[in-house]
Amino acid sequence: MNPHITPVAMLIASNVFMTFAWYGHLKFKTSPLWIAVFASWGIAFFEYWLAVPANRIGSAVYSAAELKTMQEIITLAVFAIFSVFYLKEPLGWNHLVGFGLIAAGAAFIFQGR
């Protein structure tokens, strides 16, 4: 396992699970809320099986702040794709500029490397 690459891949996979856990139920608004909560909880269980080891493995080469920053950028990227392709919600220029500014801020976290 490459401690530089493995955590990134695992965080991407974990964020796919978490995005579905948090937002996937929005396509099923007629389902009772308790079903959405339990389904989301079940999906999130698998997210934790990826995120926790990703952070443990990544801590060998990244600081906690760097791992958190990676996770946030990955979350935005996964969410943007999910929003467009699954929820069929377009992203506007304001979303792209906002995401870009967040990514630019994240770049400062890695300047000390």
N, C-alpha and C. Protein backbone atom coordinates (compact mmCIF):
# COMPACT_ATOMS: atom_id res chain seq x y z
N MET A 1 0.84 -1.19 0.00
CA MET A 1 0.00 0.00 0.00
C MET A 1 0.88 1.25 0.00
N ASN A 2 0.66 2.09 -0.96
CA ASN A 2 1.39 3.35 -1.04
C ASN A 2 0.69 4.36 -0.14
N PRO A 3 1.36 4.84 0.92
CA PRO A 3 0.70 5.76 1.85
C PRO A 3 0.40 7.13 1.25
N HIS A 4 0.94 7.42 0.07
CA HIS A 4 0.60 8.69 -0.59
C HIS A 4 -0.67 8.56 -1.43
N ILE A 5 -0.85 7.42 -2.07
CA ILE A 5 -1.96 7.23 -3.02
C ILE A 5 -3.16 6.51 -2.38
N THR A 6 -2.90 5.49 -1.59
CA THR A 6 -3.99 4.69 -1.01
C THR A 6 -5.00 5.52 -0.25
N PRO A 7 -4.59 6.45 0.62
CA PRO A 7 -5.59 7.24 1.34
C PRO A 7 -6.47 8.08 0.41
N VAL A 8 -5.88 8.59 -0.66
CA VAL A 8 -6.65 9.40 -1.61
C VAL A 8 -7.73 8.54 -2.27
N ALA A 9 -7.33 7.35 -2.73
CA ALA A 9 -8.30 6.45 -3.37
C ALA A 9 -9.39 6.04 -2.39
N MET A 10 -8.99 5.74 -1.15
CA MET A 10 -9.98 5.34 -0.15
C MET A 10 -10.90 6.50 0.22
N LEU A 11 -10.37 7.71 0.28
CA LEU A 11 -11.21 8.88 0.60
C LEU A 11 -12.19 9.17 -0.53
N ILE A 12 -11.77 8.95 -1.77
CA ILE A 12 -12.70 9.12 -2.89
C ILE A 12 -13.84 8.12 -2.76
N ALA A 13 -13.51 6.86 -2.52
CA ALA A 13 -14.54 5.83 -2.38
C ALA A 13 -15.45 6.12 -1.18
N SER A 14 -14.86 6.53 -0.07
CA SER A 14 -15.67 6.81 1.12
C SER A 14 -16.61 7.98 0.88
N ASN A 15 -16.15 8.96 0.12
CA ASN A 15 -17.00 10.12 -0.17
C ASN A 15 -18.14 9.79 -1.11
N VAL A 16 -17.94 8.82 -1.99
CA VAL A 16 -19.05 8.37 -2.83
C VAL A 16 -20.14 7.79 -1.93
N PHE A 17 -19.74 6.92 -0.99
CA PHE A 17 -20.72 6.35 -0.06
C PHE A 17 -21.41 7.45 0.75
N MET A 18 -20.61 8.37 1.29
CA MET A 18 -21.19 9.39 2.16
C MET A 18 -22.10 10.34 1.41
N THR A 19 -21.76 10.65 0.19
CA THR A 19 -22.62 11.53 -0.61
C THR A 19 -23.97 10.86 -0.85
N PHE A 20 -23.95 9.56 -1.15
CA PHE A 20 -25.22 8.84 -1.31
C PHE A 20 -25.96 8.77 0.02
N ALA A 21 -25.24 8.60 1.12
CA ALA A 21 -25.90 8.54 2.43
C ALA A 21 -26.58 9.86 2.76
N TRP A 22 -25.92 10.97 2.48
CA TRP A 22 -26.46 12.27 2.86
C TRP A 22 -27.49 12.80 1.87
N TYR A 23 -27.29 12.55 0.58
CA TYR A 23 -28.12 13.21 -0.43
C TYR A 23 -28.89 12.26 -1.34
N GLY A 24 -28.56 10.99 -1.35
CA GLY A 24 -29.23 10.05 -2.25
C GLY A 24 -30.72 9.95 -2.03
N HIS A 25 -31.15 10.09 -0.80
CA HIS A 25 -32.58 10.00 -0.47
C HIS A 25 -33.41 11.14 -1.06
N LEU A 26 -32.75 12.19 -1.53
CA LEU A 26 -33.50 13.32 -2.09
C LEU A 26 -34.27 12.94 -3.35
N LYS A 27 -33.91 11.84 -3.99
CA LYS A 27 -34.66 11.35 -5.14
C LYS A 27 -35.89 10.55 -4.71
N PHE A 28 -36.02 10.30 -3.43
CA PHE A 28 -37.11 9.48 -2.90
C PHE A 28 -37.85 10.23 -1.80
N LYS A 29 -38.29 11.43 -2.11
CA LYS A 29 -38.89 12.30 -1.10
C LYS A 29 -40.24 11.79 -0.59
N THR A 30 -40.85 10.84 -1.29
CA THR A 30 -42.12 10.31 -0.82
C THR A 30 -41.94 9.18 0.19
N SER A 31 -40.72 8.66 0.32
CA SER A 31 -40.44 7.63 1.33
C SER A 31 -40.47 8.28 2.71
N PRO A 32 -40.90 7.53 3.70
CA PRO A 32 -40.88 8.08 5.07
C PRO A 32 -39.47 8.46 5.50
N LEU A 33 -39.38 9.50 6.29
CA LEU A 33 -38.08 10.00 6.73
C LEU A 33 -37.30 8.94 7.50
N TRP A 34 -37.96 8.14 8.31
CA TRP A 34 -37.25 7.14 9.10
C TRP A 34 -36.55 6.11 8.20
N ILE A 35 -37.15 5.82 7.05
CA ILE A 35 -36.51 4.90 6.11
C ILE A 35 -35.25 5.55 5.53
N ALA A 36 -35.37 6.83 5.19
CA ALA A 36 -34.20 7.55 4.66
C ALA A 36 -33.07 7.59 5.68
N VAL A 37 -33.42 7.81 6.94
CA VAL A 37 -32.40 7.87 7.99
C VAL A 37 -31.72 6.51 8.15
N PHE A 38 -32.49 5.45 8.23
CA PHE A 38 -31.88 4.13 8.40
C PHE A 38 -31.08 3.70 7.17
N ALA A 39 -31.59 4.00 5.99
CA ALA A 39 -30.84 3.67 4.77
C ALA A 39 -29.53 4.46 4.73
N SER A 40 -29.60 5.73 5.08
CA SER A 40 -28.40 6.56 5.10
C SER A 40 -27.40 6.06 6.13
N TRP A 41 -27.89 5.66 7.26
CA TRP A 41 -27.03 5.14 8.31
C TRP A 41 -26.33 3.86 7.85
N GLY A 42 -27.06 3.01 7.17
CA GLY A 42 -26.47 1.78 6.63
C GLY A 42 -25.40 2.06 5.60
N ILE A 43 -25.63 3.03 4.74
CA ILE A 43 -24.63 3.39 3.74
C ILE A 43 -23.40 4.01 4.41
N ALA A 44 -23.64 4.85 5.41
CA ALA A 44 -22.53 5.51 6.10
C ALA A 44 -21.63 4.52 6.83
N PHE A 45 -22.18 3.39 7.25
CA PHE A 45 -21.37 2.35 7.89
C PHE A 45 -20.20 1.95 7.00
N PHE A 46 -20.48 1.78 5.70
CA PHE A 46 -19.43 1.39 4.76
C PHE A 46 -18.46 2.54 4.50
N GLU A 47 -18.97 3.75 4.57
CA GLU A 47 -18.10 4.92 4.41
C GLU A 47 -17.04 4.95 5.49
N TYR A 48 -17.43 4.64 6.71
CA TYR A 48 -16.49 4.63 7.82
C TYR A 48 -15.42 3.57 7.65
N TRP A 49 -15.78 2.43 7.05
CA TRP A 49 -14.81 1.36 6.82
C TRP A 49 -13.75 1.77 5.81
N LEU A 50 -14.00 2.83 5.07
CA LEU A 50 -13.01 3.36 4.13
C LEU A 50 -12.30 4.59 4.69
N ALA A 51 -13.06 5.50 5.30
CA ALA A 51 -12.49 6.77 5.76
C ALA A 51 -11.52 6.60 6.92
N VAL A 52 -11.89 5.77 7.88
CA VAL A 52 -11.03 5.61 9.06
C VAL A 52 -9.68 4.99 8.67
N PRO A 53 -9.67 3.88 7.92
CA PRO A 53 -8.36 3.35 7.50
C PRO A 53 -7.60 4.31 6.58
N ALA A 54 -8.32 5.05 5.74
CA ALA A 54 -7.64 6.01 4.86
C ALA A 54 -6.86 7.03 5.69
N ASN A 55 -7.49 7.53 6.74
CA ASN A 55 -6.81 8.51 7.59
C ASN A 55 -5.68 7.87 8.40
N ARG A 56 -5.88 6.65 8.83
CA ARG A 56 -4.82 5.96 9.58
C ARG A 56 -3.61 5.73 8.68
N ILE A 57 -3.84 5.22 7.47
CA ILE A 57 -2.74 4.97 6.52
C ILE A 57 -2.09 6.29 6.11
N GLY A 58 -2.92 7.28 5.80
CA GLY A 58 -2.41 8.56 5.34
C GLY A 58 -1.63 9.33 6.38
N SER A 59 -1.91 9.05 7.66
CA SER A 59 -1.20 9.79 8.72
C SER A 59 0.28 9.48 8.76
N ALA A 60 0.69 8.43 8.04
CA ALA A 60 2.13 8.12 7.96
C ALA A 60 2.88 9.16 7.15
N VAL A 61 2.18 9.83 6.22
CA VAL A 61 2.87 10.79 5.35
C VAL A 61 2.19 12.16 5.29
N TYR A 62 0.97 12.27 5.79
CA TYR A 62 0.25 13.55 5.77
C TYR A 62 -0.11 13.95 7.19
N SER A 63 -0.19 15.26 7.41
CA SER A 63 -0.67 15.75 8.70
C SER A 63 -2.19 15.63 8.73
N ALA A 64 -2.76 15.75 9.92
CA ALA A 64 -4.22 15.70 10.05
C ALA A 64 -4.87 16.83 9.25
N ALA A 65 -4.26 18.00 9.25
CA ALA A 65 -4.80 19.13 8.49
C ALA A 65 -4.77 18.84 6.99
N GLU A 66 -3.72 18.20 6.53
CA GLU A 66 -3.64 17.85 5.11
C GLU A 66 -4.68 16.79 4.74
N LEU A 67 -4.85 15.79 5.60
CA LEU A 67 -5.86 14.76 5.35
C LEU A 67 -7.26 15.37 5.31
N LYS A 68 -7.55 16.25 6.24
CA LYS A 68 -8.87 16.89 6.27
C LYS A 68 -9.07 17.75 5.04
N THR A 69 -8.06 18.45 4.62
CA THR A 69 -8.14 19.29 3.43
C THR A 69 -8.40 18.44 2.19
N MET A 70 -7.67 17.32 2.07
CA MET A 70 -7.91 16.41 0.94
C MET A 70 -9.36 15.92 0.95
N GLN A 71 -9.82 15.55 2.14
CA GLN A 71 -11.18 15.03 2.26
C GLN A 71 -12.20 16.07 1.81
N GLU A 72 -12.01 17.31 2.18
CA GLU A 72 -12.96 18.37 1.80
C GLU A 72 -12.96 18.61 0.30
N ILE A 73 -11.80 18.64 -0.31
CA ILE A 73 -11.73 18.84 -1.77
C ILE A 73 -12.34 17.65 -2.50
N ILE A 74 -12.03 16.45 -2.02
CA ILE A 74 -12.63 15.26 -2.62
C ILE A 74 -14.15 15.30 -2.47
N THR A 75 -14.62 15.71 -1.30
CA THR A 75 -16.07 15.82 -1.07
C THR A 75 -16.72 16.76 -2.07
N LEU A 76 -16.11 17.90 -2.30
CA LEU A 76 -16.67 18.85 -3.27
C LEU A 76 -16.70 18.28 -4.68
N ALA A 77 -15.64 17.62 -5.07
CA ALA A 77 -15.57 17.04 -6.41
C ALA A 77 -16.61 15.93 -6.58
N VAL A 78 -16.68 15.04 -5.59
CA VAL A 78 -17.66 13.95 -5.66
C VAL A 78 -19.07 14.53 -5.66
N PHE A 79 -19.32 15.51 -4.79
CA PHE A 79 -20.65 16.10 -4.74
C PHE A 79 -21.03 16.78 -6.05
N ALA A 80 -20.10 17.49 -6.66
CA ALA A 80 -20.39 18.16 -7.93
C ALA A 80 -20.81 17.15 -8.99
N ILE A 81 -20.09 16.05 -9.08
CA ILE A 81 -20.43 15.00 -10.06
C ILE A 81 -21.78 14.38 -9.71
N PHE A 82 -21.99 14.08 -8.44
CA PHE A 82 -23.24 13.49 -7.95
C PHE A 82 -24.42 14.41 -8.24
N SER A 83 -24.25 15.68 -7.97
CA SER A 83 -25.31 16.66 -8.15
C SER A 83 -25.76 16.74 -9.61
N VAL A 84 -24.80 16.75 -10.51
CA VAL A 84 -25.11 16.87 -11.94
C VAL A 84 -25.69 15.57 -12.49
N PHE A 85 -25.06 14.44 -12.20
CA PHE A 85 -25.44 13.19 -12.85
C PHE A 85 -26.53 12.40 -12.12
N TYR A 86 -26.61 12.48 -10.80
CA TYR A 86 -27.60 11.71 -10.06
C TYR A 86 -28.83 12.56 -9.74
N LEU A 87 -28.61 13.74 -9.19
CA LEU A 87 -29.73 14.61 -8.83
C LEU A 87 -30.23 15.45 -10.01
N LYS A 88 -29.44 15.49 -11.08
CA LYS A 88 -29.78 16.26 -12.28
C LYS A 88 -29.94 17.75 -11.96
N GLU A 89 -29.11 18.24 -11.06
CA GLU A 89 -29.09 19.65 -10.71
C GLU A 89 -27.86 20.29 -11.35
N PRO A 90 -28.05 21.31 -12.15
CA PRO A 90 -26.89 21.92 -12.81
C PRO A 90 -26.03 22.72 -11.83
N LEU A 91 -24.77 22.81 -12.15
CA LEU A 91 -23.87 23.68 -11.40
C LEU A 91 -23.70 24.96 -12.20
N GLY A 92 -23.84 26.07 -11.53
CA GLY A 92 -23.68 27.37 -12.19
C GLY A 92 -22.27 27.89 -12.04
N TRP A 93 -22.02 29.00 -12.67
CA TRP A 93 -20.70 29.61 -12.60
C TRP A 93 -20.34 29.95 -11.15
N ASN A 94 -21.34 30.35 -10.36
CA ASN A 94 -21.08 30.72 -8.96
C ASN A 94 -20.61 29.52 -8.15
N HIS A 95 -21.16 28.34 -8.44
CA HIS A 95 -20.70 27.12 -7.76
C HIS A 95 -19.25 26.84 -8.13
N LEU A 96 -18.95 26.93 -9.42
CA LEU A 96 -17.60 26.64 -9.89
C LEU A 96 -16.58 27.62 -9.32
N VAL A 97 -16.94 28.89 -9.26
CA VAL A 97 -16.03 29.89 -8.67
C VAL A 97 -15.84 29.60 -7.19
N GLY A 98 -16.92 29.32 -6.49
CA GLY A 98 -16.83 29.01 -5.06
C GLY A 98 -15.97 27.79 -4.79
N PHE A 99 -16.19 26.72 -5.57
CA PHE A 99 -15.38 25.52 -5.42
C PHE A 99 -13.91 25.82 -5.73
N GLY A 100 -13.69 26.64 -6.75
CA GLY A 100 -12.32 27.01 -7.11
C GLY A 100 -11.62 27.78 -6.00
N LEU A 101 -12.35 28.67 -5.35
CA LEU A 101 -11.77 29.42 -4.24
C LEU A 101 -11.43 28.51 -3.06
N ILE A 102 -12.30 27.55 -2.80
CA ILE A 102 -12.02 26.59 -1.74
C ILE A 102 -10.78 25.77 -2.09
N ALA A 103 -10.68 25.35 -3.35
CA ALA A 103 -9.52 24.58 -3.79
C ALA A 103 -8.24 25.42 -3.69
N ALA A 104 -8.35 26.69 -4.03
CA ALA A 104 -7.18 27.57 -3.91
C ALA A 104 -6.75 27.69 -2.45
N GLY A 105 -7.72 27.83 -1.56
CA GLY A 105 -7.40 27.87 -0.13
C GLY A 105 -6.75 26.58 0.34
N ALA A 106 -7.24 25.46 -0.18
CA ALA A 106 -6.65 24.17 0.19
C ALA A 106 -5.20 24.06 -0.25
N ALA A 107 -4.88 24.68 -1.37
CA ALA A 107 -3.51 24.62 -1.88
C ALA A 107 -2.53 25.23 -0.87
N PHE A 108 -2.98 26.22 -0.09
CA PHE A 108 -2.11 26.84 0.91
C PHE A 108 -1.74 25.86 2.02
N ILE A 109 -2.61 24.91 2.31
CA ILE A 109 -2.34 23.92 3.35
C ILE A 109 -1.09 23.10 3.00
N PHE A 110 -0.91 22.85 1.69
CA PHE A 110 0.19 22.00 1.24
C PHE A 110 1.45 22.79 0.88
N GLN A 111 1.47 24.09 1.12
CA GLN A 111 2.63 24.90 0.76
C GLN A 111 3.85 24.58 1.61
N GLY A 112 3.65 24.10 2.80
CA GLY A 112 4.78 23.82 3.69
C GLY A 112 5.50 22.51 3.39
N ARG A 113 5.05 21.77 2.43
CA ARG A 113 5.66 20.45 2.11
C ARG A 113 7.00 20.61 1.48
